[in-house]
Amino acid sequence: MAMKRVLLSLPKEMVEGLEKERKERYLETIPETIRVILSDYLRNKTKNK
């Protein structure tokens, strides 16, 4: 799988929410947290079609 870097700017409130989610899921970084959340979302979206 080819990886591509993407740079994001996020509002403070979203970063705070991601930090909370990161700690709850015992993940290392916010980018890792975003990848996990997107993966879960896309997997569920595919199942529900």
C-alpha atoms as a PDB file:
ATOM      1  CA  MET A   1       0.000   0.000   0.000  1.00  0.00           C
ATOM      2  CA  ALA A   2       1.437   3.367  -0.996  1.00  0.00           C
ATOM      3  CA  MET A   3       1.344   6.038   1.678  1.00  0.00           C
ATOM      4  CA  LYS A   4       0.844   9.715   0.997  1.00  0.00           C
ATOM      5  CA  ARG A   5       1.448  12.508   3.490  1.00  0.00           C
ATOM      6  CA  VAL A   6      -1.270  15.060   4.138  1.00  0.00           C
ATOM      7  CA  LEU A   7      -0.866  18.201   6.219  1.00  0.00           C
ATOM      8  CA  LEU A   8      -3.901  19.348   8.233  1.00  0.00           C
ATOM      9  CA  SER A   9      -4.773  22.385  10.281  1.00  0.00           C
ATOM     10  CA  LEU A  10      -7.288  21.609  13.004  1.00  0.00           C
ATOM     11  CA  PRO A  11      -9.219  23.834  15.399  1.00  0.00           C
ATOM     12  CA  LYS A  12      -8.136  23.695  19.047  1.00  0.00           C
ATOM     13  CA  GLU A  13     -11.385  21.977  20.065  1.00  0.00           C
ATOM     14  CA  MET A  14     -10.834  19.161  17.564  1.00  0.00           C
ATOM     15  CA  VAL A  15      -7.257  18.636  18.746  1.00  0.00           C
ATOM     16  CA  GLU A  16      -8.515  18.419  22.327  1.00  0.00           C
ATOM     17  CA  GLY A  17     -11.092  15.814  21.271  1.00  0.00           C
ATOM     18  CA  LEU A  18      -8.429  13.837  19.417  1.00  0.00           C
ATOM     19  CA  GLU A  19      -6.138  13.954  22.466  1.00  0.00           C
ATOM     20  CA  LYS A  20      -8.959  12.538  24.605  1.00  0.00           C
ATOM     21  CA  GLU A  21      -9.655   9.814  22.029  1.00  0.00           C
ATOM     22  CA  ARG A  22      -5.914   9.049  21.754  1.00  0.00           C
ATOM     23  CA  LYS A  23      -5.663   8.470  25.502  1.00  0.00           C
ATOM     24  CA  GLU A  24      -8.822   6.321  25.595  1.00  0.00           C
ATOM     25  CA  ARG A  25      -7.523   4.113  22.776  1.00  0.00           C
ATOM     26  CA  TYR A  26      -3.967   4.011  24.206  1.00  0.00           C
ATOM     27  CA  LEU A  27      -2.459   5.336  20.976  1.00  0.00           C
ATOM     28  CA  GLU A  28       0.881   7.122  20.620  1.00  0.00           C
ATOM     29  CA  THR A  29       0.118  10.101  18.374  1.00  0.00           C
ATOM     30  CA  ILE A  30      -2.710  12.209  17.003  1.00  0.00           C
ATOM     31  CA  PRO A  31      -1.958  11.169  13.379  1.00  0.00           C
ATOM     32  CA  GLU A  32      -2.255   7.522  14.452  1.00  0.00           C
ATOM     33  CA  THR A  33      -5.559   8.355  16.175  1.00  0.00           C
ATOM     34  CA  ILE A  34      -6.884  10.013  13.016  1.00  0.00           C
ATOM     35  CA  ARG A  35      -5.892   6.963  10.929  1.00  0.00           C
ATOM     36  CA  VAL A  36      -7.699   4.601  13.332  1.00  0.00           C
ATOM     37  CA  ILE A  37     -10.852   6.744  13.414  1.00  0.00           C
ATOM     38  CA  LEU A  38     -10.925   7.055   9.603  1.00  0.00           C
ATOM     39  CA  SER A  39     -10.305   3.334   9.202  1.00  0.00           C
ATOM     40  CA  ASP A  40     -13.192   2.504  11.573  1.00  0.00           C
ATOM     41  CA  TYR A  41     -15.474   4.979   9.808  1.00  0.00           C
ATOM     42  CA  LEU A  42     -14.682   3.695   6.312  1.00  0.00           C
ATOM     43  CA  ARG A  43     -14.981   0.048   7.386  1.00  0.00           C
ATOM     44  CA  ASN A  44     -18.425   0.696   8.915  1.00  0.00           C
ATOM     45  CA  LYS A  45     -19.539   2.743   5.910  1.00  0.00           C
ATOM     46  CA  THR A  46     -18.622  -0.158   3.589  1.00  0.00           C
ATOM     47  CA  LYS A  47     -20.482  -2.681   5.786  1.00  0.00           C
ATOM     48  CA  ASN A  48     -23.666  -0.588   5.804  1.00  0.00           C
ATOM     49  CA  LYS A  49     -23.956  -0.351   2.007  1.00  0.00           C
END
